[in-house]
Amino acid sequence: MDTWAGSLGVHCDTCHATDPNNVGPNGRPRLKFEDDSKPEKEMARIMYTMTEDMKKNYIKKVADLDKMESPAAPLTCGTCHRGHLDPEEFVIPHEGPPPAGAMPAMPH
């Protein structure tokens, strides 16, 4: 879960409800992990299922088809979120040479 939180740039209480009547030694309310009331928790489950489906049904197939010598880069929450709760919009660069290793531009 720490990896998920770090990938999204959040703390655990973003998805997990807190119990204001049960304060931990750090002075913060303890989390109610069994509580499914927060929409963010539901979204996390959907996104996890999506990621696992992509790993199983798409990334593996592309790697097999491409006969990649090394395994494909791992697909994680951080692949898209990069430390932000909402992924930032990708903007195609308009000028300058592509970075080393970048995919060639698609013809217009």
PDB file of N, CA and C in Angstrom:
ATOM      1  N   MET A   1       0.818  -1.199   0.000  1.00  0.00           N
ATOM      2  CA  MET A   1       0.000   0.000   0.000  1.00  0.00           C
ATOM      3  C   MET A   1       0.863   1.265   0.000  1.00  0.00           C
ATOM      4  N   ASP A   2       2.024   1.198   0.648  1.00  0.00           N
ATOM      5  CA  ASP A   2       2.905   2.367   0.643  1.00  0.00           C
ATOM      6  C   ASP A   2       3.326   2.708  -0.789  1.00  0.00           C
ATOM      7  N   THR A   3       3.539   1.684  -1.612  1.00  0.00           N
ATOM      8  CA  THR A   3       3.909   1.913  -3.011  1.00  0.00           C
ATOM      9  C   THR A   3       2.764   2.589  -3.749  1.00  0.00           C
ATOM     10  N   TRP A   4       1.546   2.152  -3.496  1.00  0.00           N
ATOM     11  CA  TRP A   4       0.382   2.781  -4.141  1.00  0.00           C
ATOM     12  C   TRP A   4       0.305   4.246  -3.737  1.00  0.00           C
ATOM     13  N   ALA A   5       0.403   4.521  -2.446  1.00  0.00           N
ATOM     14  CA  ALA A   5       0.310   5.901  -1.959  1.00  0.00           C
ATOM     15  C   ALA A   5       1.407   6.760  -2.579  1.00  0.00           C
ATOM     16  N   GLY A   6       2.632   6.230  -2.619  1.00  0.00           N
ATOM     17  CA  GLY A   6       3.740   6.983  -3.206  1.00  0.00           C
ATOM     18  C   GLY A   6       3.544   7.226  -4.686  1.00  0.00           C
ATOM     19  N   SER A   7       3.029   6.235  -5.391  1.00  0.00           N
ATOM     20  CA  SER A   7       2.785   6.381  -6.832  1.00  0.00           C
ATOM     21  C   SER A   7       1.758   7.458  -7.130  1.00  0.00           C
ATOM     22  N   LEU A   8       0.846   7.682  -6.185  1.00  0.00           N
ATOM     23  CA  LEU A   8      -0.219   8.663  -6.361  1.00  0.00           C
ATOM     24  C   LEU A   8       0.060   9.967  -5.627  1.00  0.00           C
ATOM     25  N   GLY A   9       1.141  10.018  -4.860  1.00  0.00           N
ATOM     26  CA  GLY A   9       1.462  11.231  -4.117  1.00  0.00           C
ATOM     27  C   GLY A   9       0.455  11.551  -3.031  1.00  0.00           C
ATOM     28  N   VAL A  10      -0.087  10.515  -2.381  1.00  0.00           N
ATOM     29  CA  VAL A  10      -1.114  10.706  -1.355  1.00  0.00           C
ATOM     30  C   VAL A  10      -0.729   9.949  -0.088  1.00  0.00           C
ATOM     31  N   HIS A  11      -1.562  10.068   0.919  1.00  0.00           N
ATOM     32  CA  HIS A  11      -1.428   9.275   2.135  1.00  0.00           C
ATOM     33  C   HIS A  11      -2.547   8.242   2.153  1.00  0.00           C
ATOM     34  N   CYS A  12      -2.408   7.262   3.014  1.00  0.00           N
ATOM     35  CA  CYS A  12      -3.371   6.162   3.057  1.00  0.00           C
ATOM     36  C   CYS A  12      -4.802   6.624   3.308  1.00  0.00           C
ATOM     37  N   ASP A  13      -4.962   7.744   4.038  1.00  0.00           N
ATOM     38  CA  ASP A  13      -6.320   8.205   4.343  1.00  0.00           C
ATOM     39  C   ASP A  13      -7.035   8.812   3.134  1.00  0.00           C
ATOM     40  N   THR A  14      -6.358   8.862   2.000  1.00  0.00           N
ATOM     41  CA  THR A  14      -7.044   9.279   0.780  1.00  0.00           C
ATOM     42  C   THR A  14      -8.098   8.248   0.401  1.00  0.00           C
ATOM     43  N   CYS A  15      -7.767   6.966   0.542  1.00  0.00           N
ATOM     44  CA  CYS A  15      -8.696   5.892   0.190  1.00  0.00           C
ATOM     45  C   CYS A  15      -9.368   5.268   1.402  1.00  0.00           C
ATOM     46  N   HIS A  16      -8.663   5.210   2.521  1.00  0.00           N
ATOM     47  CA  HIS A  16      -9.176   4.551   3.712  1.00  0.00           C
ATOM     48  C   HIS A  16      -9.816   5.557   4.661  1.00  0.00           C
ATOM     49  N   ALA A  17     -11.013   5.226   5.135  1.00  0.00           N
ATOM     50  CA  ALA A  17     -11.724   6.059   6.106  1.00  0.00           C
ATOM     51  C   ALA A  17     -10.971   6.049   7.439  1.00  0.00           C
ATOM     52  N   THR A  18     -11.127   7.110   8.192  1.00  0.00           N
ATOM     53  CA  THR A  18     -10.494   7.202   9.513  1.00  0.00           C
ATOM     54  C   THR A  18     -11.550   7.055  10.603  1.00  0.00           C
ATOM     55  N   ASP A  19     -11.077   6.683  11.780  1.00  0.00           N
ATOM     56  CA  ASP A  19     -11.955   6.548  12.940  1.00  0.00           C
ATOM     57  C   ASP A  19     -11.561   7.618  13.950  1.00  0.00           C
ATOM     58  N   PRO A  20     -12.282   8.738  13.993  1.00  0.00           N
ATOM     59  CA  PRO A  20     -11.907   9.832  14.889  1.00  0.00           C
ATOM     60  C   PRO A  20     -11.980   9.445  16.368  1.00  0.00           C
ATOM     61  N   ASN A  21     -12.658   8.348  16.688  1.00  0.00           N
ATOM     62  CA  ASN A  21     -12.763   7.898  18.075  1.00  0.00           C
ATOM     63  C   ASN A  21     -11.647   6.934  18.470  1.00  0.00           C
ATOM     64  N   ASN A  22     -10.756   6.636  17.546  1.00  0.00           N
ATOM     65  CA  ASN A  22      -9.659   5.704  17.810  1.00  0.00           C
ATOM     66  C   ASN A  22      -8.367   6.360  17.339  1.00  0.00           C
ATOM     67  N   VAL A  23      -7.730   7.090  18.229  1.00  0.00           N
ATOM     68  CA  VAL A  23      -6.526   7.850  17.891  1.00  0.00           C
ATOM     69  C   VAL A  23      -5.292   7.016  18.209  1.00  0.00           C
ATOM     70  N   GLY A  24      -4.352   6.997  17.268  1.00  0.00           N
ATOM     71  CA  GLY A  24      -3.118   6.248  17.448  1.00  0.00           C
ATOM     72  C   GLY A  24      -2.091   7.026  18.249  1.00  0.00           C
ATOM     73  N   PRO A  25      -0.929   6.411  18.512  1.00  0.00           N
ATOM     74  CA  PRO A  25       0.118   7.061  19.297  1.00  0.00           C
ATOM     75  C   PRO A  25       0.688   8.314  18.629  1.00  0.00           C
ATOM     76  N   ASN A  26       0.509   8.437  17.328  1.00  0.00           N
ATOM     77  CA  ASN A  26       1.002   9.626  16.621  1.00  0.00           C
ATOM     78  C   ASN A  26       0.007  10.787  16.691  1.00  0.00           C
ATOM     79  N   GLY A  27      -1.117  10.578  17.379  1.00  0.00           N
ATOM     80  CA  GLY A  27      -2.122  11.627  17.522  1.00  0.00           C
ATOM     81  C   GLY A  27      -3.118  11.689  16.382  1.00  0.00           C
ATOM     82  N   ARG A  28      -2.961  10.827  15.394  1.00  0.00           N
ATOM     83  CA  ARG A  28      -3.873  10.806  14.245  1.00  0.00           C
ATOM     84  C   ARG A  28      -4.896   9.694  14.400  1.00  0.00           C
ATOM     85  N   PRO A  29      -6.089   9.888  13.833  1.00  0.00           N
ATOM     86  CA  PRO A  29      -7.080   8.809  13.877  1.00  0.00           C
ATOM     87  C   PRO A  29      -6.566   7.586  13.135  1.00  0.00           C
ATOM     88  N   ARG A  30      -6.868   6.421  13.685  1.00  0.00           N
ATOM     89  CA  ARG A  30      -6.484   5.170  13.013  1.00  0.00           C
ATOM     90  C   ARG A  30      -7.384   4.959  11.790  1.00  0.00           C
ATOM     91  N   LEU A  31      -6.854   4.217  10.848  1.00  0.00           N
ATOM     92  CA  LEU A  31      -7.609   3.924   9.629  1.00  0.00           C
ATOM     93  C   LEU A  31      -8.539   2.738   9.849  1.00  0.00           C
ATOM     94  N   LYS A  32      -9.683   2.790   9.170  1.00  0.00           N
ATOM     95  CA  LYS A  32     -10.646   1.689   9.203  1.00  0.00           C
ATOM     96  C   LYS A  32     -10.536   0.955   7.863  1.00  0.00           C
ATOM     97  N   PHE A  33      -9.586   0.018   7.810  1.00  0.00           N
ATOM     98  CA  PHE A  33      -9.290  -0.658   6.548  1.00  0.00           C
ATOM     99  C   PHE A  33     -10.481  -1.429   5.997  1.00  0.00           C
ATOM    100  N   GLU A  34     -11.345  -1.936   6.866  1.00  0.00           N
ATOM    101  CA  GLU A  34     -12.493  -2.727   6.413  1.00  0.00           C
ATOM    102  C   GLU A  34     -13.619  -1.860   5.852  1.00  0.00           C
ATOM    103  N   ASP A  35     -13.562  -0.565   6.080  1.00  0.00           N
ATOM    104  CA  ASP A  35     -14.603   0.368   5.647  1.00  0.00           C
ATOM    105  C   ASP A  35     -14.451   0.650   4.153  1.00  0.00           C
ATOM    106  N   ASP A  36     -15.496   0.385   3.392  1.00  0.00           N
ATOM    107  CA  ASP A  36     -15.468   0.602   1.937  1.00  0.00           C
ATOM    108  C   ASP A  36     -16.293   1.815   1.517  1.00  0.00           C
ATOM    109  N   SER A  37     -16.480   2.781   2.411  1.00  0.00           N
ATOM    110  CA  SER A  37     -17.392   3.891   2.137  1.00  0.00           C
ATOM    111  C   SER A  37     -16.811   4.984   1.240  1.00  0.00           C
ATOM    112  N   LYS A  38     -15.492   5.059   1.105  1.00  0.00           N
ATOM    113  CA  LYS A  38     -14.913   6.153   0.319  1.00  0.00           C
ATOM    114  C   LYS A  38     -14.866   5.805  -1.169  1.00  0.00           C
ATOM    115  N   PRO A  39     -15.354   6.709  -2.014  1.00  0.00           N
ATOM    116  CA  PRO A  39     -15.313   6.451  -3.462  1.00  0.00           C
ATOM    117  C   PRO A  39     -13.890   6.258  -3.974  1.00  0.00           C
ATOM    118  N   GLU A  40     -12.920   6.873  -3.329  1.00  0.00           N
ATOM    119  CA  GLU A  40     -11.525   6.726  -3.756  1.00  0.00           C
ATOM    120  C   GLU A  40     -11.053   5.279  -3.619  1.00  0.00           C
ATOM    121  N   LYS A  41     -11.548   4.584  -2.611  1.00  0.00           N
ATOM    122  CA  LYS A  41     -11.190   3.178  -2.427  1.00  0.00           C
ATOM    123  C   LYS A  41     -11.784   2.335  -3.547  1.00  0.00           C
ATOM    124  N   GLU A  42     -13.029   2.633  -3.914  1.00  0.00           N
ATOM    125  CA  GLU A  42     -13.662   1.922  -5.028  1.00  0.00           C
ATOM    126  C   GLU A  42     -12.887   2.179  -6.328  1.00  0.00           C
ATOM    127  N   MET A  43     -12.483   3.432  -6.539  1.00  0.00           N
ATOM    128  CA  MET A  43     -11.719   3.766  -7.738  1.00  0.00           C
ATOM    129  C   MET A  43     -10.384   3.029  -7.750  1.00  0.00           C
ATOM    130  N   ALA A  44      -9.731   2.934  -6.596  1.00  0.00           N
ATOM    131  CA  ALA A  44      -8.453   2.223  -6.520  1.00  0.00           C
ATOM    132  C   ALA A  44      -8.622   0.759  -6.922  1.00  0.00           C
ATOM    133  N   ARG A  45      -9.704   0.154  -6.496  1.00  0.00           N
ATOM    134  CA  ARG A  45      -9.950  -1.244  -6.865  1.00  0.00           C
ATOM    135  C   ARG A  45     -10.178  -1.382  -8.371  1.00  0.00           C
ATOM    136  N   ILE A  46     -10.917  -0.454  -8.940  1.00  0.00           N
ATOM    137  CA  ILE A  46     -11.157  -0.487 -10.390  1.00  0.00           C
ATOM    138  C   ILE A  46      -9.838  -0.312 -11.142  1.00  0.00           C
ATOM    139  N   MET A  47      -9.037   0.644 -10.707  1.00  0.00           N
ATOM    140  CA  MET A  47      -7.768   0.908 -11.384  1.00  0.00           C
ATOM    141  C   MET A  47      -6.810  -0.279 -11.238  1.00  0.00           C
ATOM    142  N   TYR A  48      -6.805  -0.921 -10.070  1.00  0.00           N
ATOM    143  CA  TYR A  48      -5.972  -2.108  -9.865  1.00  0.00           C
ATOM    144  C   TYR A  48      -6.399  -3.219 -10.827  1.00  0.00           C
ATOM    145  N   THR A  49      -7.714  -3.451 -10.932  1.00  0.00           N
ATOM    146  CA  THR A  49      -8.224  -4.479 -11.835  1.00  0.00           C
ATOM    147  C   THR A  49      -7.846  -4.157 -13.279  1.00  0.00           C
ATOM    148  N   MET A  50      -7.952  -2.894 -13.668  1.00  0.00           N
ATOM    149  CA  MET A  50      -7.582  -2.474 -15.012  1.00  0.00           C
ATOM    150  C   MET A  50      -6.103  -2.750 -15.282  1.00  0.00           C
ATOM    151  N   THR A  51      -5.260  -2.395 -14.328  1.00  0.00           N
ATOM    152  CA  THR A  51      -3.817  -2.586 -14.480  1.00  0.00           C
ATOM    153  C   THR A  51      -3.475  -4.065 -14.614  1.00  0.00           C
ATOM    154  N   GLU A  52      -4.076  -4.900 -13.775  1.00  0.00           N
ATOM    155  CA  GLU A  52      -3.816  -6.338 -13.848  1.00  0.00           C
ATOM    156  C   GLU A  52      -4.293  -6.907 -15.184  1.00  0.00           C
ATOM    157  N   ASP A  53      -5.437  -6.432 -15.692  1.00  0.00           N
ATOM    158  CA  ASP A  53      -5.942  -6.870 -16.994  1.00  0.00           C
ATOM    159  C   ASP A  53      -4.974  -6.461 -18.101  1.00  0.00           C
ATOM    160  N   MET A  54      -4.460  -5.250 -18.015  1.00  0.00           N
ATOM    161  CA  MET A  54      -3.513  -4.786 -19.038  1.00  0.00           C
ATOM    162  C   MET A  54      -2.233  -5.620 -19.007  1.00  0.00           C
ATOM    163  N   LYS A  55      -1.750  -5.943 -17.815  1.00  0.00           N
ATOM    164  CA  LYS A  55      -0.542  -6.766 -17.704  1.00  0.00           C
ATOM    165  C   LYS A  55      -0.768  -8.137 -18.336  1.00  0.00           C
ATOM    166  N   LYS A  56      -1.905  -8.747 -18.000  1.00  0.00           N
ATOM    167  CA  LYS A  56      -2.192 -10.110 -18.444  1.00  0.00           C
ATOM    168  C   LYS A  56      -2.542 -10.187 -19.920  1.00  0.00           C
ATOM    169  N   ASN A  57      -3.387  -9.268 -20.376  1.00  0.00           N
ATOM    170  CA  ASN A  57      -3.957  -9.405 -21.711  1.00  0.00           C
ATOM    171  C   ASN A  57      -3.329  -8.533 -22.783  1.00  0.00           C
ATOM    172  N   TYR A  58      -2.492  -7.599 -22.403  1.00  0.00           N
ATOM    173  CA  TYR A  58      -1.943  -6.719 -23.423  1.00  0.00           C
ATOM    174  C   TYR A  58      -0.422  -6.643 -23.379  1.00  0.00           C
ATOM    175  N   ILE A  59       0.139  -6.312 -22.253  1.00  0.00           N
ATOM    176  CA  ILE A  59       1.596  -6.150 -22.177  1.00  0.00           C
ATOM    177  C   ILE A  59       2.300  -7.455 -22.497  1.00  0.00           C
ATOM    178  N   LYS A  60       1.823  -8.561 -21.949  1.00  0.00           N
ATOM    179  CA  LYS A  60       2.441  -9.855 -22.235  1.00  0.00           C
ATOM    180  C   LYS A  60       2.329 -10.185 -23.722  1.00  0.00           C
ATOM    181  N   LYS A  61       1.180  -9.916 -24.316  1.00  0.00           N
ATOM    182  CA  LYS A  61       1.007 -10.211 -25.740  1.00  0.00           C
ATOM    183  C   LYS A  61       1.936  -9.371 -26.604  1.00  0.00           C
ATOM    184  N   VAL A  62       2.088  -8.102 -26.266  1.00  0.00           N
ATOM    185  CA  VAL A  62       2.990  -7.235 -27.026  1.00  0.00           C
ATOM    186  C   VAL A  62       4.426  -7.725 -26.870  1.00  0.00           C
ATOM    187  N   ALA A  63       4.816  -8.069 -25.653  1.00  0.00           N
ATOM    188  CA  ALA A  63       6.173  -8.555 -25.409  1.00  0.00           C
ATOM    189  C   ALA A  63       6.423  -9.846 -26.177  1.00  0.00           C
ATOM    190  N   ASP A  64       5.435 -10.750 -26.183  1.00  0.00           N
ATOM    191  CA  ASP A  64       5.589 -12.008 -26.921  1.00  0.00           C
ATOM    192  C   ASP A  64       5.675 -11.757 -28.417  1.00  0.00           C
ATOM    193  N   LEU A  65       4.833 -10.885 -28.940  1.00  0.00           N
ATOM    194  CA  LEU A  65       4.818 -10.586 -30.368  1.00  0.00           C
ATOM    195  C   LEU A  65       6.114  -9.908 -30.794  1.00  0.00           C
ATOM    196  N   ASP A  66       6.605  -9.024 -29.946  1.00  0.00           N
ATOM    197  CA  ASP A  66       7.813  -8.266 -30.246  1.00  0.00           C
ATOM    198  C   ASP A  66       9.071  -9.093 -30.008  1.00  0.00           C
ATOM    199  N   LYS A  67       8.898 -10.270 -29.393  1.00  0.00           N
ATOM    200  CA  LYS A  67      10.021 -11.145 -29.062  1.00  0.00           C
ATOM    201  C   LYS A  67      11.093 -10.377 -28.289  1.00  0.00           C
ATOM    202  N   MET A  68      10.634  -9.631 -27.309  1.00  0.00           N
ATOM    203  CA  MET A  68      11.531  -8.797 -26.519  1.00  0.00           C
ATOM    204  C   MET A  68      12.538  -9.669 -25.774  1.00  0.00           C
ATOM    205  N   GLU A  69      13.806  -9.264 -25.836  1.00  0.00           N
ATOM    206  CA  GLU A  69      14.854 -10.005 -25.146  1.00  0.00           C
ATOM    207  C   GLU A  69      14.805  -9.750 -23.649  1.00  0.00           C
ATOM    208  N   SER A  70      14.430  -8.550 -23.267  1.00  0.00           N
ATOM    209  CA  SER A  70      14.309  -8.254 -21.845  1.00  0.00           C
ATOM    210  C   SER A  70      12.839  -8.062 -21.521  1.00  0.00           C
ATOM    211  N   PRO A  71      12.463  -8.308 -20.267  1.00  0.00           N
ATOM    212  CA  PRO A  71      11.048  -8.148 -19.918  1.00  0.00           C
ATOM    213  C   PRO A  71      10.578  -6.712 -20.115  1.00  0.00           C
ATOM    214  N   ALA A  72       9.297  -6.595 -20.408  1.00  0.00           N
ATOM    215  CA  ALA A  72       8.707  -5.266 -20.578  1.00  0.00           C
ATOM    216  C   ALA A  72       8.796  -4.502 -19.257  1.00  0.00           C
ATOM    217  N   ALA A  73       8.845  -3.189 -19.350  1.00  0.00           N
ATOM    218  CA  ALA A  73       8.863  -2.359 -18.145  1.00  0.00           C
ATOM    219  C   ALA A  73       7.618  -2.665 -17.327  1.00  0.00           C
ATOM    220  N   PRO A  74       7.745  -2.665 -16.005  1.00  0.00           N
ATOM    221  CA  PRO A  74       6.566  -2.983 -15.190  1.00  0.00           C
ATOM    222  C   PRO A  74       5.491  -1.912 -15.330  1.00  0.00           C
ATOM    223  N   LEU A  75       4.266  -2.358 -15.277  1.00  0.00           N
ATOM    224  CA  LEU A  75       3.122  -1.444 -15.297  1.00  0.00           C
ATOM    225  C   LEU A  75       2.635  -1.302 -13.870  1.00  0.00           C
ATOM    226  N   THR A  76       2.675  -0.096 -13.359  1.00  0.00           N
ATOM    227  CA  THR A  76       2.247   0.176 -11.991  1.00  0.00           C
ATOM    228  C   THR A  76       1.368   1.418 -11.984  1.00  0.00           C
ATOM    229  N   CYS A  77       0.852   1.759 -10.819  1.00  0.00           N
ATOM    230  CA  CYS A  77       0.079   3.001 -10.683  1.00  0.00           C
ATOM    231  C   CYS A  77       0.940   4.194 -11.121  1.00  0.00           C
ATOM    232  N   GLY A  78       2.220   4.134 -10.774  1.00  0.00           N
ATOM    233  CA  GLY A  78       3.135   5.226 -11.089  1.00  0.00           C
ATOM    234  C   GLY A  78       3.392   5.404 -12.571  1.00  0.00           C
ATOM    235  N   THR A  79       3.129   4.377 -13.379  1.00  0.00           N
ATOM    236  CA  THR A  79       3.343   4.495 -14.821  1.00  0.00           C
ATOM    237  C   THR A  79       2.557   5.676 -15.380  1.00  0.00           C
ATOM    238  N   CYS A  80       1.342   5.849 -14.937  1.00  0.00           N
ATOM    239  CA  CYS A  80       0.501   6.953 -15.410  1.00  0.00           C
ATOM    240  C   CYS A  80       0.445   8.116 -14.422  1.00  0.00           C
ATOM    241  N   HIS A  81       0.351   7.797 -13.147  1.00  0.00           N
ATOM    242  CA  HIS A  81       0.132   8.851 -12.145  1.00  0.00           C
ATOM    243  C   HIS A  81       1.383   9.644 -11.827  1.00  0.00           C
ATOM    244  N   ARG A  82       2.542   9.001 -11.820  1.00  0.00           N
ATOM    245  CA  ARG A  82       3.827   9.681 -11.588  1.00  0.00           C
ATOM    246  C   ARG A  82       3.794  10.638 -10.396  1.00  0.00           C
ATOM    247  N   GLY A  83       3.230  10.122  -9.281  1.00  0.00           N
ATOM    248  CA  GLY A  83       3.220  10.898  -8.056  1.00  0.00           C
ATOM    249  C   GLY A  83       2.098  11.909  -7.924  1.00  0.00           C
ATOM    250  N   HIS A  84       1.099  11.828  -8.798  1.00  0.00           N
ATOM    251  CA  HIS A  84      -0.042  12.754  -8.753  1.00  0.00           C
ATOM    252  C   HIS A  84      -1.332  11.959  -8.642  1.00  0.00           C
ATOM    253  N   LEU A  85      -2.260  12.424  -7.816  1.00  0.00           N
ATOM    254  CA  LEU A  85      -3.529  11.725  -7.659  1.00  0.00           C
ATOM    255  C   LEU A  85      -4.247  11.605  -9.004  1.00  0.00           C
ATOM    256  N   ASP A  86      -4.279  12.686  -9.753  1.00  0.00           N
ATOM    257  CA  ASP A  86      -4.852  12.662 -11.101  1.00  0.00           C
ATOM    258  C   ASP A  86      -3.700  12.762 -12.095  1.00  0.00           C
ATOM    259  N   PRO A  87      -3.585  11.793 -13.003  1.00  0.00           N
ATOM    260  CA  PRO A  87      -2.480  11.854 -13.968  1.00  0.00           C
ATOM    261  C   PRO A  87      -2.503  13.174 -14.739  1.00  0.00           C
ATOM    262  N   GLU A  88      -1.324  13.709 -14.968  1.00  0.00           N
ATOM    263  CA  GLU A  88      -1.234  14.942 -15.744  1.00  0.00           C
ATOM    264  C   GLU A  88      -1.422  14.634 -17.226  1.00  0.00           C
ATOM    265  N   GLU A  89      -1.999  15.571 -17.927  1.00  0.00           N
ATOM    266  CA  GLU A  89      -2.221  15.401 -19.356  1.00  0.00           C
ATOM    267  C   GLU A  89      -0.885  15.338 -20.082  1.00  0.00           C
ATOM    268  N   PHE A  90      -0.762  14.389 -21.009  1.00  0.00           N
ATOM    269  CA  PHE A  90       0.442  14.297 -21.823  1.00  0.00           C
ATOM    270  C   PHE A  90       0.317  15.284 -22.976  1.00  0.00           C
ATOM    271  N   VAL A  91       1.324  16.104 -23.148  1.00  0.00           N
ATOM    272  CA  VAL A  91       1.349  17.074 -24.236  1.00  0.00           C
ATOM    273  C   VAL A  91       2.485  16.693 -25.167  1.00  0.00           C
ATOM    274  N   ILE A  92       2.156  16.479 -26.421  1.00  0.00           N
ATOM    275  CA  ILE A  92       3.168  16.096 -27.403  1.00  0.00           C
ATOM    276  C   ILE A  92       4.086  17.282 -27.665  1.00  0.00           C
ATOM    277  N   PRO A  93       5.400  17.075 -27.528  1.00  0.00           N
ATOM    278  CA  PRO A  93       6.315  18.181 -27.809  1.00  0.00           C
ATOM    279  C   PRO A  93       6.246  18.548 -29.289  1.00  0.00           C
ATOM    280  N   HIS A  94       6.324  19.843 -29.583  1.00  0.00           N
ATOM    281  CA  HIS A  94       6.192  20.295 -30.971  1.00  0.00           C
ATOM    282  C   HIS A  94       7.517  20.612 -31.633  1.00  0.00           C
ATOM    283  N   GLU A  95       8.534  20.885 -30.847  1.00  0.00           N
ATOM    284  CA  GLU A  95       9.809  21.275 -31.437  1.00  0.00           C
ATOM    285  C   GLU A  95      10.957  20.539 -30.780  1.00  0.00           C
ATOM    286  N   GLY A  96      12.077  20.550 -31.480  1.00  0.00           N
ATOM    287  CA  GLY A  96      13.287  19.969 -30.933  1.00  0.00           C
ATOM    288  C   GLY A  96      13.380  18.485 -31.231  1.00  0.00           C
ATOM    289  N   PRO A  97      14.586  17.960 -31.127  1.00  0.00           N
ATOM    290  CA  PRO A  97      14.766  16.533 -31.395  1.00  0.00           C
ATOM    291  C   PRO A  97      14.157  15.691 -30.273  1.00  0.00           C
ATOM    292  N   PRO A  98      13.730  14.497 -30.604  1.00  0.00           N
ATOM    293  CA  PRO A  98      13.168  13.631 -29.573  1.00  0.00           C
ATOM    294  C   PRO A  98      14.260  13.191 -28.597  1.00  0.00           C
ATOM    295  N   PRO A  99      13.887  12.910 -27.354  1.00  0.00           N
ATOM    296  CA  PRO A  99      14.877  12.428 -26.397  1.00  0.00           C
ATOM    297  C   PRO A  99      15.423  11.080 -26.826  1.00  0.00           C
ATOM    298  N   ALA A 100      16.615  10.750 -26.396  1.00  0.00           N
ATOM    299  CA  ALA A 100      17.231   9.480 -26.736  1.00  0.00           C
ATOM    300  C   ALA A 100      16.319   8.332 -26.345  1.00  0.00           C
ATOM    301  N   GLY A 101      16.125   7.390 -27.241  1.00  0.00           N
ATOM    302  CA  GLY A 101      15.298   6.231 -26.963  1.00  0.00           C
ATOM    303  C   GLY A 101      13.816   6.452 -27.166  1.00  0.00           C
ATOM    304  N   ALA A 102      13.408   7.654 -27.551  1.00  0.00           N
ATOM    305  CA  ALA A 102      11.985   7.942 -27.742  1.00  0.00           C
ATOM    306  C   ALA A 102      11.496   7.277 -29.012  1.00  0.00           C
ATOM    307  N   MET A 103      10.203   6.999 -29.054  1.00  0.00           N
ATOM    308  CA  MET A 103       9.608   6.410 -30.252  1.00  0.00           C
ATOM    309  C   MET A 103       9.578   7.469 -31.362  1.00  0.00           C
ATOM    310  N   PRO A 104       9.755   7.064 -32.609  1.00  0.00           N
ATOM    311  CA  PRO A 104       9.678   8.036 -33.695  1.00  0.00           C
ATOM    312  C   PRO A 104       8.271   8.607 -33.808  1.00  0.00           C
ATOM    313  N   ALA A 105       8.203   9.822 -34.319  1.00  0.00           N
ATOM    314  CA  ALA A 105       6.919  10.508 -34.474  1.00  0.00           C
ATOM    315  C   ALA A 105       6.081   9.802 -35.523  1.00  0.00           C
ATOM    316  N   MET A 106       4.775   9.811 -35.335  1.00  0.00           N
ATOM    317  CA  MET A 106       3.847   9.239 -36.296  1.00  0.00           C
ATOM    318  C   MET A 106       3.689  10.235 -37.452  1.00  0.00           C
ATOM    319  N   PRO A 107       3.611   9.743 -38.687  1.00  0.00           N
ATOM    320  CA  PRO A 107       3.388  10.666 -39.819  1.00  0.00           C
ATOM    321  C   PRO A 107       2.008  11.313 -39.709  1.00  0.00           C
ATOM    322  N   HIS A 108       1.904  12.540 -40.171  1.00  0.00           N
ATOM    323  CA  HIS A 108       0.622  13.272 -40.104  1.00  0.00           C
ATOM    324  C   HIS A 108      -0.240  12.956 -41.279  1.00  0.00           C
TER     325      HIS A 108
END
